[in-house]
Amino acid sequence: MSTRLVISIVFFGLTVAVASSASAQLRRIDGCTFRTIVAPLTEPRPRTDQPPQTCGAIPVIEDAWTMATACQGQTGDLLESETYQFLQFGPVQTDVVFVTKVKLPNSIQRAFPWTLTEDIVVLPCIPRTSGNPTGEDFAPTSRPPMVLIDDVTFPPLESGPDGAPANEWLCAVVVPLQDFADPFGVSGSLDWFAVIDFDTAGTRYSQPPTPDLDGNGCPDAAIEVGVQGRFVPHVGMDEIGAGLVDFILNRGALGLTRVDVFEPQNASALPAQLGGMQTGESHNSRPWCFSFAIGL
């Protein structure tokens, strides 16, 4: 279904050599051909009043979570359930559904749909503690093992009718659990963050469309391991779960040395309530960690 590579790359602009140790691995998974699902969360409805076009005029990521395919219902597009424990024993494949909730504004450019491409980075879940005060934050020269799900491409999404309020969509991609066995092994707890380019077609912000530099048939978004700088700058990007874009664009000007990953915070009073959840996870740490185990 997809091209899966473990390669020696330059990630975040700095050279990292792949060694036999899992801690030196970045596994790129081509997400271009993965099954994606989009479902409207709020139906656009006409309004009699007309707020200024500057009200709510930008697309944003609002939330993100993981869920199991078994929770999707008969139509396969019920995406609001949450799952944080994934177990696969035997030959039946288990999938992880990564769901991202986005809000698209009403726009005078209704002739042009929003074109979304998402990059997802998965890494070990390491809550911040007194013994490990940096948690999941990492320097490019000393990063954890990672999986990059590259160029997940969703169908074009329409804005609402004239005068409609901003409309919300759930955008999901289905990834086989087995794809995380390398470099993470057969069990563990994983966290993730994501970057979405909302205008890969280049119709919203007077910019060229994003190219397909890696030749996988989908527009590039954010992180591209085979291009100069390993990042595709484009107006109209948002992220959730980490401060990756800020680090890449502003690390020189602001003197940033580490990528800030929003891992679980043990100081939170929110207890774990679902299998696989980490204690202390809240809206501040979204996306939440999930646990997994793969048997024979």
C-alpha atoms as a PDB file:
ATOM      1  CA  MET A   1       0.000   0.000   0.000  1.00  0.00           C
ATOM      2  CA  SER A   2       2.793   2.423   0.828  1.00  0.00           C
ATOM      3  CA  THR A   3       6.530   2.835   0.632  1.00  0.00           C
ATOM      4  CA  ARG A   4       8.217   2.156   3.953  1.00  0.00           C
ATOM      5  CA  LEU A   5      11.805   3.212   4.397  1.00  0.00           C
ATOM      6  CA  VAL A   6      14.370   3.312   7.165  1.00  0.00           C
ATOM      7  CA  ILE A   7      16.961   5.724   5.825  1.00  0.00           C
ATOM      8  CA  SER A   8      19.882   7.945   6.749  1.00  0.00           C
ATOM      9  CA  ILE A   9      18.467  11.456   6.548  1.00  0.00           C
ATOM     10  CA  VAL A  10      18.821  15.037   7.611  1.00  0.00           C
ATOM     11  CA  PHE A  11      15.916  15.832   9.937  1.00  0.00           C
ATOM     12  CA  PHE A  12      15.089  19.373  11.090  1.00  0.00           C
ATOM     13  CA  GLY A  13      18.090  20.560   9.088  1.00  0.00           C
ATOM     14  CA  LEU A  14      20.769  18.639  10.998  1.00  0.00           C
ATOM     15  CA  THR A  15      22.563  15.427  10.045  1.00  0.00           C
ATOM     16  CA  VAL A  16      21.601  12.286  11.938  1.00  0.00           C
ATOM     17  CA  ALA A  17      23.169   8.958  10.934  1.00  0.00           C
ATOM     18  CA  VAL A  18      21.094   5.805  11.203  1.00  0.00           C
ATOM     19  CA  ALA A  19      22.802   3.160  13.311  1.00  0.00           C
ATOM     20  CA  SER A  20      21.779  -0.306  14.440  1.00  0.00           C
ATOM     21  CA  SER A  21      20.298   1.177  17.600  1.00  0.00           C
ATOM     22  CA  ALA A  22      16.594   1.990  17.489  1.00  0.00           C
ATOM     23  CA  SER A  23      17.348   5.360  19.101  1.00  0.00           C
ATOM     24  CA  ALA A  24      18.971   6.484  15.827  1.00  0.00           C
ATOM     25  CA  GLN A  25      16.063   5.568  13.570  1.00  0.00           C
ATOM     26  CA  LEU A  26      13.604   7.756  11.763  1.00  0.00           C
ATOM     27  CA  ARG A  27      11.183   5.589   9.823  1.00  0.00           C
ATOM     28  CA  ARG A  28       9.384   7.353   6.999  1.00  0.00           C
ATOM     29  CA  ILE A  29       6.027   5.906   5.993  1.00  0.00           C
ATOM     30  CA  ASP A  30       4.478   7.219   2.803  1.00  0.00           C
ATOM     31  CA  GLY A  31       0.997   8.289   3.885  1.00  0.00           C
ATOM     32  CA  CYS A  32      -0.043   9.380   0.390  1.00  0.00           C
ATOM     33  CA  THR A  33      -2.052   6.224  -0.346  1.00  0.00           C
ATOM     34  CA  PHE A  34      -3.389   5.527   3.153  1.00  0.00           C
ATOM     35  CA  ARG A  35      -7.160   5.490   3.512  1.00  0.00           C
ATOM     36  CA  THR A  36      -8.456   8.849   4.672  1.00  0.00           C
ATOM     37  CA  ILE A  37     -11.894   9.823   5.949  1.00  0.00           C
ATOM     38  CA  VAL A  38     -13.466  13.279   6.196  1.00  0.00           C
ATOM     39  CA  ALA A  39     -16.735  13.940   7.998  1.00  0.00           C
ATOM     40  CA  PRO A  40     -18.456  17.277   8.711  1.00  0.00           C
ATOM     41  CA  LEU A  41     -18.892  17.887  12.418  1.00  0.00           C
ATOM     42  CA  THR A  42     -21.145  20.906  12.071  1.00  0.00           C
ATOM     43  CA  GLU A  43     -23.397  21.409   9.091  1.00  0.00           C
ATOM     44  CA  PRO A  44     -23.084  24.884   7.557  1.00  0.00           C
ATOM     45  CA  ARG A  45     -26.274  26.879   7.917  1.00  0.00           C
ATOM     46  CA  PRO A  46     -27.237  30.199   6.310  1.00  0.00           C
ATOM     47  CA  ARG A  47     -27.389  33.338   8.448  1.00  0.00           C
ATOM     48  CA  THR A  48     -29.408  36.459   7.950  1.00  0.00           C
ATOM     49  CA  ASP A  49     -26.702  38.742   9.360  1.00  0.00           C
ATOM     50  CA  GLN A  50     -23.334  39.174   7.664  1.00  0.00           C
ATOM     51  CA  PRO A  51     -20.306  39.469   9.973  1.00  0.00           C
ATOM     52  CA  PRO A  52     -17.136  41.001   8.494  1.00  0.00           C
ATOM     53  CA  GLN A  53     -14.986  38.621   6.479  1.00  0.00           C
ATOM     54  CA  THR A  54     -12.163  39.127   8.977  1.00  0.00           C
ATOM     55  CA  CYS A  55     -14.161  37.273  11.634  1.00  0.00           C
ATOM     56  CA  GLY A  56     -12.817  33.733  11.919  1.00  0.00           C
ATOM     57  CA  ALA A  57     -10.936  34.097   8.645  1.00  0.00           C
ATOM     58  CA  ILE A  58      -8.220  31.481   9.207  1.00  0.00           C
ATOM     59  CA  PRO A  59      -8.307  27.679   9.238  1.00  0.00           C
ATOM     60  CA  VAL A  60      -7.028  26.042  12.429  1.00  0.00           C
ATOM     61  CA  ILE A  61      -6.492  22.663  14.046  1.00  0.00           C
ATOM     62  CA  GLU A  62      -8.742  22.447  17.100  1.00  0.00           C
ATOM     63  CA  ASP A  63      -8.107  18.991  18.526  1.00  0.00           C
ATOM     64  CA  ALA A  64      -6.730  15.532  17.745  1.00  0.00           C
ATOM     65  CA  TRP A  65      -7.059  11.987  19.103  1.00  0.00           C
ATOM     66  CA  THR A  66      -6.679   8.308  18.229  1.00  0.00           C
ATOM     67  CA  MET A  67      -9.432   5.752  17.825  1.00  0.00           C
ATOM     68  CA  ALA A  68      -9.934   2.142  16.766  1.00  0.00           C
ATOM     69  CA  THR A  69     -11.565   1.188  13.474  1.00  0.00           C
ATOM     70  CA  ALA A  70     -14.089  -0.901  15.416  1.00  0.00           C
ATOM     71  CA  CYS A  71     -15.532   2.345  16.808  1.00  0.00           C
ATOM     72  CA  GLN A  72     -16.349   3.818  13.406  1.00  0.00           C
ATOM     73  CA  GLY A  73     -19.759   2.190  13.016  1.00  0.00           C
ATOM     74  CA  GLN A  74     -21.273   0.661   9.895  1.00  0.00           C
ATOM     75  CA  THR A  75     -20.715   3.779   7.798  1.00  0.00           C
ATOM     76  CA  GLY A  76     -17.031   3.970   8.755  1.00  0.00           C
ATOM     77  CA  ASP A  77     -17.158   7.719   9.356  1.00  0.00           C
ATOM     78  CA  LEU A  78     -18.055   7.928  13.048  1.00  0.00           C
ATOM     79  CA  LEU A  79     -14.877   9.543  14.305  1.00  0.00           C
ATOM     80  CA  GLU A  80     -15.690  11.054  17.700  1.00  0.00           C
ATOM     81  CA  SER A  81     -14.896   8.038  19.888  1.00  0.00           C
ATOM     82  CA  GLU A  82     -11.432   7.891  21.438  1.00  0.00           C
ATOM     83  CA  THR A  83      -9.156   4.878  21.889  1.00  0.00           C
ATOM     84  CA  TYR A  84      -5.790   4.865  23.679  1.00  0.00           C
ATOM     85  CA  GLN A  85      -4.982   1.155  23.834  1.00  0.00           C
ATOM     86  CA  PHE A  86      -4.310  -0.929  20.720  1.00  0.00           C
ATOM     87  CA  LEU A  87      -3.687  -4.675  20.969  1.00  0.00           C
ATOM     88  CA  GLN A  88      -2.938  -7.042  18.084  1.00  0.00           C
ATOM     89  CA  PHE A  89      -2.615 -10.775  18.719  1.00  0.00           C
ATOM     90  CA  GLY A  90      -2.920 -13.212  15.865  1.00  0.00           C
ATOM     91  CA  PRO A  91      -3.170 -12.608  12.126  1.00  0.00           C
ATOM     92  CA  VAL A  92      -5.976 -10.016  12.193  1.00  0.00           C
ATOM     93  CA  GLN A  93      -4.562  -6.563  11.433  1.00  0.00           C
ATOM     94  CA  THR A  94      -5.225  -3.801  13.941  1.00  0.00           C
ATOM     95  CA  ASP A  95      -5.290  -0.206  12.735  1.00  0.00           C
ATOM     96  CA  VAL A  96      -4.786   3.116  14.480  1.00  0.00           C
ATOM     97  CA  VAL A  97      -7.050   5.930  13.257  1.00  0.00           C
ATOM     98  CA  PHE A  98      -5.468   9.351  13.732  1.00  0.00           C
ATOM     99  CA  VAL A  99      -8.245  11.963  13.870  1.00  0.00           C
ATOM    100  CA  THR A 100      -7.647  15.700  13.513  1.00  0.00           C
ATOM    101  CA  LYS A 101     -10.469  18.172  14.103  1.00  0.00           C
ATOM    102  CA  VAL A 102     -10.179  21.315  11.974  1.00  0.00           C
ATOM    103  CA  LYS A 103     -12.207  24.497  11.686  1.00  0.00           C
ATOM    104  CA  LEU A 104     -12.579  26.112   8.256  1.00  0.00           C
ATOM    105  CA  PRO A 105     -13.835  29.667   7.932  1.00  0.00           C
ATOM    106  CA  ASN A 106     -16.481  31.100   5.692  1.00  0.00           C
ATOM    107  CA  SER A 107     -14.601  32.819   2.886  1.00  0.00           C
ATOM    108  CA  ILE A 108     -15.247  35.084  -0.072  1.00  0.00           C
ATOM    109  CA  GLN A 109     -13.118  32.609  -2.056  1.00  0.00           C
ATOM    110  CA  ARG A 110     -15.788  29.927  -1.990  1.00  0.00           C
ATOM    111  CA  ALA A 111     -14.893  28.846  -5.519  1.00  0.00           C
ATOM    112  CA  PHE A 112     -11.728  27.294  -4.103  1.00  0.00           C
ATOM    113  CA  PRO A 113     -11.926  24.383  -1.641  1.00  0.00           C
ATOM    114  CA  TRP A 114      -9.413  23.975   1.152  1.00  0.00           C
ATOM    115  CA  THR A 115      -6.727  21.441   0.247  1.00  0.00           C
ATOM    116  CA  LEU A 116      -5.262  19.714   3.299  1.00  0.00           C
ATOM    117  CA  THR A 117      -2.106  17.620   3.545  1.00  0.00           C
ATOM    118  CA  GLU A 118      -0.884  16.419   6.953  1.00  0.00           C
ATOM    119  CA  ASP A 119       2.420  15.160   8.326  1.00  0.00           C
ATOM    120  CA  ILE A 120       2.250  13.098  11.535  1.00  0.00           C
ATOM    121  CA  VAL A 121       5.254  12.378  13.770  1.00  0.00           C
ATOM    122  CA  VAL A 122       5.025   9.482  16.273  1.00  0.00           C
ATOM    123  CA  LEU A 123       7.545   9.143  19.105  1.00  0.00           C
ATOM    124  CA  PRO A 124       7.840   7.449  22.536  1.00  0.00           C
ATOM    125  CA  CYS A 125       5.601   8.842  25.280  1.00  0.00           C
ATOM    126  CA  ILE A 126       7.848  10.151  28.071  1.00  0.00           C
ATOM    127  CA  PRO A 127       5.988  12.261  30.667  1.00  0.00           C
ATOM    128  CA  ARG A 128       7.859  15.122  32.317  1.00  0.00           C
ATOM    129  CA  THR A 129       9.091  14.269  35.816  1.00  0.00           C
ATOM    130  CA  SER A 130      11.556  15.681  38.333  1.00  0.00           C
ATOM    131  CA  GLY A 131      14.086  13.120  37.131  1.00  0.00           C
ATOM    132  CA  ASN A 132      13.400  13.953  33.472  1.00  0.00           C
ATOM    133  CA  PRO A 133      12.380  17.639  33.426  1.00  0.00           C
ATOM    134  CA  THR A 134      12.514  17.927  29.622  1.00  0.00           C
ATOM    135  CA  GLY A 135       9.990  15.131  29.058  1.00  0.00           C
ATOM    136  CA  GLU A 136       9.638  14.519  25.331  1.00  0.00           C
ATOM    137  CA  ASP A 137      11.362  17.730  24.270  1.00  0.00           C
ATOM    138  CA  PHE A 138      14.380  16.937  22.135  1.00  0.00           C
ATOM    139  CA  ALA A 139      17.332  18.549  20.413  1.00  0.00           C
ATOM    140  CA  PRO A 140      17.832  17.660  16.743  1.00  0.00           C
ATOM    141  CA  THR A 141      21.248  16.223  17.591  1.00  0.00           C
ATOM    142  CA  SER A 142      19.755  13.921  20.250  1.00  0.00           C
ATOM    143  CA  ARG A 143      16.271  12.893  19.238  1.00  0.00           C
ATOM    144  CA  PRO A 144      14.266   9.770  20.100  1.00  0.00           C
ATOM    145  CA  PRO A 145      13.237   7.107  17.577  1.00  0.00           C
ATOM    146  CA  MET A 146      10.444   8.458  15.388  1.00  0.00           C
ATOM    147  CA  VAL A 147       7.977   7.483  12.695  1.00  0.00           C
ATOM    148  CA  LEU A 148       7.065  10.136  10.107  1.00  0.00           C
ATOM    149  CA  ILE A 149       3.750   9.490   8.346  1.00  0.00           C
ATOM    150  CA  ASP A 150       4.393  11.671   5.334  1.00  0.00           C
ATOM    151  CA  ASP A 151       1.963  13.539   3.054  1.00  0.00           C
ATOM    152  CA  VAL A 152      -1.410  12.268   4.298  1.00  0.00           C
ATOM    153  CA  THR A 153      -3.718  13.882   1.730  1.00  0.00           C
ATOM    154  CA  PHE A 154      -7.431  14.521   2.313  1.00  0.00           C
ATOM    155  CA  PRO A 155     -10.171  15.196  -0.250  1.00  0.00           C
ATOM    156  CA  PRO A 156     -10.733  18.935  -0.877  1.00  0.00           C
ATOM    157  CA  LEU A 157     -13.053  20.465   1.724  1.00  0.00           C
ATOM    158  CA  GLU A 158     -15.599  23.140   0.882  1.00  0.00           C
ATOM    159  CA  SER A 159     -16.285  26.241   2.913  1.00  0.00           C
ATOM    160  CA  GLY A 160     -19.817  26.908   4.059  1.00  0.00           C
ATOM    161  CA  PRO A 161     -22.373  28.923   2.080  1.00  0.00           C
ATOM    162  CA  ASP A 162     -22.334  32.715   2.088  1.00  0.00           C
ATOM    163  CA  GLY A 163     -22.974  33.977   5.586  1.00  0.00           C
ATOM    164  CA  ALA A 164     -22.446  30.571   7.197  1.00  0.00           C
ATOM    165  CA  PRO A 165     -20.452  30.310  10.389  1.00  0.00           C
ATOM    166  CA  ALA A 166     -17.116  28.549  10.383  1.00  0.00           C
ATOM    167  CA  ASN A 167     -17.649  24.849   9.806  1.00  0.00           C
ATOM    168  CA  GLU A 168     -15.783  22.004  11.503  1.00  0.00           C
ATOM    169  CA  TRP A 169     -14.488  18.788   9.960  1.00  0.00           C
ATOM    170  CA  LEU A 170     -12.996  15.579  11.283  1.00  0.00           C
ATOM    171  CA  CYS A 171     -10.092  14.409   9.122  1.00  0.00           C
ATOM    172  CA  ALA A 172      -8.802  10.894   9.760  1.00  0.00           C
ATOM    173  CA  VAL A 173      -6.135   8.562   8.405  1.00  0.00           C
ATOM    174  CA  VAL A 174      -5.986   4.797   9.013  1.00  0.00           C
ATOM    175  CA  VAL A 175      -2.505   3.398   9.795  1.00  0.00           C
ATOM    176  CA  PRO A 176      -1.720  -0.294  10.455  1.00  0.00           C
ATOM    177  CA  LEU A 177      -0.482  -0.857  14.005  1.00  0.00           C
ATOM    178  CA  GLN A 178       2.252  -3.112  12.635  1.00  0.00           C
ATOM    179  CA  ASP A 179       3.929  -0.085  11.071  1.00  0.00           C
ATOM    180  CA  PHE A 180       5.046   1.012  14.551  1.00  0.00           C
ATOM    181  CA  ALA A 181       6.896  -2.215  15.351  1.00  0.00           C
ATOM    182  CA  ASP A 182       9.985  -0.656  13.745  1.00  0.00           C
ATOM    183  CA  PRO A 183      11.511   1.298  15.426  1.00  0.00           C
ATOM    184  CA  PHE A 184       9.365   1.021  18.597  1.00  0.00           C
ATOM    185  CA  GLY A 185       9.340  -2.758  19.127  1.00  0.00           C
ATOM    186  CA  VAL A 186       6.268  -4.863  19.889  1.00  0.00           C
ATOM    187  CA  SER A 187       4.888  -2.896  22.839  1.00  0.00           C
ATOM    188  CA  GLY A 188       5.114   0.496  24.460  1.00  0.00           C
ATOM    189  CA  SER A 189       3.476   3.903  24.813  1.00  0.00           C
ATOM    190  CA  LEU A 190       3.570   6.416  21.971  1.00  0.00           C
ATOM    191  CA  ASP A 191       2.830  10.106  21.566  1.00  0.00           C
ATOM    192  CA  TRP A 192       2.323  12.064  18.339  1.00  0.00           C
ATOM    193  CA  PHE A 193       2.103  15.528  16.882  1.00  0.00           C
ATOM    194  CA  ALA A 194       0.940  16.799  13.495  1.00  0.00           C
ATOM    195  CA  VAL A 195       1.324  19.664  11.021  1.00  0.00           C
ATOM    196  CA  ILE A 196      -1.330  20.470   8.395  1.00  0.00           C
ATOM    197  CA  ASP A 197      -0.857  22.615   5.297  1.00  0.00           C
ATOM    198  CA  PHE A 198      -4.362  23.954   4.585  1.00  0.00           C
ATOM    199  CA  ASP A 199      -3.522  25.368   1.132  1.00  0.00           C
ATOM    200  CA  THR A 200      -1.406  22.878  -0.788  1.00  0.00           C
ATOM    201  CA  ALA A 201      -3.196  23.905  -4.026  1.00  0.00           C
ATOM    202  CA  GLY A 202      -2.020  27.494  -3.580  1.00  0.00           C
ATOM    203  CA  THR A 203      -5.441  29.062  -4.150  1.00  0.00           C
ATOM    204  CA  ARG A 204      -5.909  30.857  -0.831  1.00  0.00           C
ATOM    205  CA  TYR A 205      -2.805  32.867  -0.059  1.00  0.00           C
ATOM    206  CA  SER A 206      -1.451  33.982  -3.460  1.00  0.00           C
ATOM    207  CA  GLN A 207       1.317  31.393  -3.426  1.00  0.00           C
ATOM    208  CA  PRO A 208       2.362  28.528  -5.694  1.00  0.00           C
ATOM    209  CA  PRO A 209       1.009  25.062  -4.912  1.00  0.00           C
ATOM    210  CA  THR A 210       3.285  22.824  -2.882  1.00  0.00           C
ATOM    211  CA  PRO A 211       5.387  20.608  -5.151  1.00  0.00           C
ATOM    212  CA  ASP A 212       5.641  16.828  -5.127  1.00  0.00           C
ATOM    213  CA  LEU A 213       9.398  16.733  -4.629  1.00  0.00           C
ATOM    214  CA  ASP A 214       9.460  13.173  -3.299  1.00  0.00           C
ATOM    215  CA  GLY A 215       7.465  11.869  -6.277  1.00  0.00           C
ATOM    216  CA  ASN A 216       4.828   9.965  -4.296  1.00  0.00           C
ATOM    217  CA  GLY A 217       1.906  11.519  -6.165  1.00  0.00           C
ATOM    218  CA  CYS A 218       0.736  13.771  -3.314  1.00  0.00           C
ATOM    219  CA  PRO A 219       1.610  17.389  -2.510  1.00  0.00           C
ATOM    220  CA  ASP A 220       4.371  17.858   0.052  1.00  0.00           C
ATOM    221  CA  ALA A 221       3.536  19.204   3.500  1.00  0.00           C
ATOM    222  CA  ALA A 222       5.827  20.584   6.198  1.00  0.00           C
ATOM    223  CA  ILE A 223       8.518  17.902   6.717  1.00  0.00           C
ATOM    224  CA  GLU A 224      10.163  16.474   3.607  1.00  0.00           C
ATOM    225  CA  VAL A 225      13.215  14.335   4.226  1.00  0.00           C
ATOM    226  CA  GLY A 226      14.497  14.526   0.672  1.00  0.00           C
ATOM    227  CA  VAL A 227      14.551  18.291   0.093  1.00  0.00           C
ATOM    228  CA  GLN A 228      16.907  21.103   1.030  1.00  0.00           C
ATOM    229  CA  GLY A 229      16.233  22.243   4.588  1.00  0.00           C
ATOM    230  CA  ARG A 230      13.893  19.267   5.173  1.00  0.00           C
ATOM    231  CA  PHE A 231      10.939  21.633   5.483  1.00  0.00           C
ATOM    232  CA  VAL A 232       8.482  22.997   2.916  1.00  0.00           C
ATOM    233  CA  PRO A 233       7.637  26.589   3.912  1.00  0.00           C
ATOM    234  CA  HIS A 234       4.072  27.490   2.929  1.00  0.00           C
ATOM    235  CA  VAL A 235       1.543  30.000   4.185  1.00  0.00           C
ATOM    236  CA  GLY A 236      -1.475  28.387   5.849  1.00  0.00           C
ATOM    237  CA  MET A 237       0.069  25.782   8.161  1.00  0.00           C
ATOM    238  CA  ASP A 238      -1.059  24.910  11.675  1.00  0.00           C
ATOM    239  CA  GLU A 239       0.169  22.290  14.125  1.00  0.00           C
ATOM    240  CA  ILE A 240      -0.912  20.425  17.235  1.00  0.00           C
ATOM    241  CA  GLY A 241       1.005  18.495  19.872  1.00  0.00           C
ATOM    242  CA  ALA A 242       4.377  20.239  19.476  1.00  0.00           C
ATOM    243  CA  GLY A 243       6.095  23.508  18.592  1.00  0.00           C
ATOM    244  CA  LEU A 244       7.848  22.120  15.526  1.00  0.00           C
ATOM    245  CA  VAL A 245       7.073  24.948  13.086  1.00  0.00           C
ATOM    246  CA  ASP A 246       8.169  27.596  15.575  1.00  0.00           C
ATOM    247  CA  PHE A 247      11.432  25.736  16.124  1.00  0.00           C
ATOM    248  CA  ILE A 248      12.183  25.331  12.420  1.00  0.00           C
ATOM    249  CA  LEU A 249      11.329  28.898  11.439  1.00  0.00           C
ATOM    250  CA  ASN A 250      12.558  30.780  14.504  1.00  0.00           C
ATOM    251  CA  ARG A 251      15.265  28.736  16.186  1.00  0.00           C
ATOM    252  CA  GLY A 252      17.983  31.130  14.999  1.00  0.00           C
ATOM    253  CA  ALA A 253      16.207  34.357  15.899  1.00  0.00           C
ATOM    254  CA  LEU A 254      14.917  33.097  19.255  1.00  0.00           C
ATOM    255  CA  GLY A 255      17.878  30.901  20.197  1.00  0.00           C
ATOM    256  CA  LEU A 256      15.734  27.772  20.442  1.00  0.00           C
ATOM    257  CA  THR A 257      17.677  24.577  21.097  1.00  0.00           C
ATOM    258  CA  ARG A 258      14.898  21.994  21.557  1.00  0.00           C
ATOM    259  CA  VAL A 259      11.605  21.061  19.930  1.00  0.00           C
ATOM    260  CA  ASP A 260       8.866  21.492  22.532  1.00  0.00           C
ATOM    261  CA  VAL A 261       6.599  18.414  22.567  1.00  0.00           C
ATOM    262  CA  PHE A 262       3.389  18.671  24.612  1.00  0.00           C
ATOM    263  CA  GLU A 263       3.662  15.460  26.591  1.00  0.00           C
ATOM    264  CA  PRO A 264       1.541  14.419  29.624  1.00  0.00           C
ATOM    265  CA  GLN A 265       2.042  16.573  32.696  1.00  0.00           C
ATOM    266  CA  ASN A 266       2.125  14.702  35.997  1.00  0.00           C
ATOM    267  CA  ALA A 267       1.016  17.814  37.857  1.00  0.00           C
ATOM    268  CA  SER A 268      -2.452  17.599  36.298  1.00  0.00           C
ATOM    269  CA  ALA A 269      -5.332  16.433  38.497  1.00  0.00           C
ATOM    270  CA  LEU A 270      -6.994  14.577  35.628  1.00  0.00           C
ATOM    271  CA  PRO A 271      -6.683  10.803  36.164  1.00  0.00           C
ATOM    272  CA  ALA A 272      -6.360   8.262  33.379  1.00  0.00           C
ATOM    273  CA  GLN A 273      -9.864   7.048  32.503  1.00  0.00           C
ATOM    274  CA  LEU A 274      -9.356   4.882  29.412  1.00  0.00           C
ATOM    275  CA  GLY A 275      -6.990   2.002  28.805  1.00  0.00           C
ATOM    276  CA  GLY A 276      -3.642   3.236  27.510  1.00  0.00           C
ATOM    277  CA  MET A 277      -4.070   6.830  28.684  1.00  0.00           C
ATOM    278  CA  GLN A 278      -1.283   8.459  30.648  1.00  0.00           C
ATOM    279  CA  THR A 279      -2.123  10.057  33.993  1.00  0.00           C
ATOM    280  CA  GLY A 280      -2.262  13.836  33.786  1.00  0.00           C
ATOM    281  CA  GLU A 281      -3.234  14.213  30.154  1.00  0.00           C
ATOM    282  CA  SER A 282      -5.470  17.177  29.451  1.00  0.00           C
ATOM    283  CA  HIS A 283      -6.341  19.582  26.655  1.00  0.00           C
ATOM    284  CA  ASN A 284      -2.888  21.115  27.128  1.00  0.00           C
ATOM    285  CA  SER A 285      -1.155  17.895  26.084  1.00  0.00           C
ATOM    286  CA  ARG A 286      -3.255  16.958  23.055  1.00  0.00           C
ATOM    287  CA  PRO A 287      -2.729  14.698  21.140  1.00  0.00           C
ATOM    288  CA  TRP A 288      -2.740  12.117  23.925  1.00  0.00           C
ATOM    289  CA  CYS A 289      -0.403   9.154  24.210  1.00  0.00           C
ATOM    290  CA  PHE A 290      -1.601   5.661  23.317  1.00  0.00           C
ATOM    291  CA  SER A 291      -0.277   2.249  24.315  1.00  0.00           C
ATOM    292  CA  PHE A 292       0.166  -0.743  22.025  1.00  0.00           C
ATOM    293  CA  ALA A 293       1.157  -4.403  22.086  1.00  0.00           C
ATOM    294  CA  ILE A 294       1.708  -6.692  19.099  1.00  0.00           C
ATOM    295  CA  GLY A 295       1.842 -10.467  19.642  1.00  0.00           C
ATOM    296  CA  LEU A 296       2.116 -13.554  17.459  1.00  0.00           C
END
